């Protein structure tokens, strides 16, 4: 029930966000695809707190399908209405699948994911500075979402980790 509601809300919100009048700022903000992706993260956290679990095979299948969906989608969706559909829903499913796999894989013992998690706020802050610098370089590559997006994410994560280690 909640999953279907979230998928429908994110999809509709992403499609109508740019059609909402600027005068109706609260509605426009609520339907912003980035805000909807944040709500998806809250939903995942709630599932985790409630202890809802999937079998490991379903988590891996979900992650695989979501990665393929992102890879097959358009690469240039940054602030378009379709962002929530092509990126938000698959990203939510990837994170949900990884959260579901935590008890099986034990990510908390992995040094690199712990470092990235510890640096997450620095990554959040640094990405707004590094992505505009990397974007023109990445756009020279073939327009494949996994390649372009992967390099942008890698650049933001590496920069954020450096900020975390040096500044924090």
Foldseek 3Di string as FASTA:
>chain_A
DVVVVLLVLLLVLLQCLVVDDVVPVVSNVCSFNVNSLVVLVVVLVVCVVVPDADPLVVLVVLLVVLVVQLQPDFQPCPRHSCCCVSPSVSVSSNVSSVSRCCVVPVCVVPDVVVLLVLLVVLLVVQLVVVLVVCVVVLVVDPRGNCSSVVVSSVRSSVRSSVCSVPPD
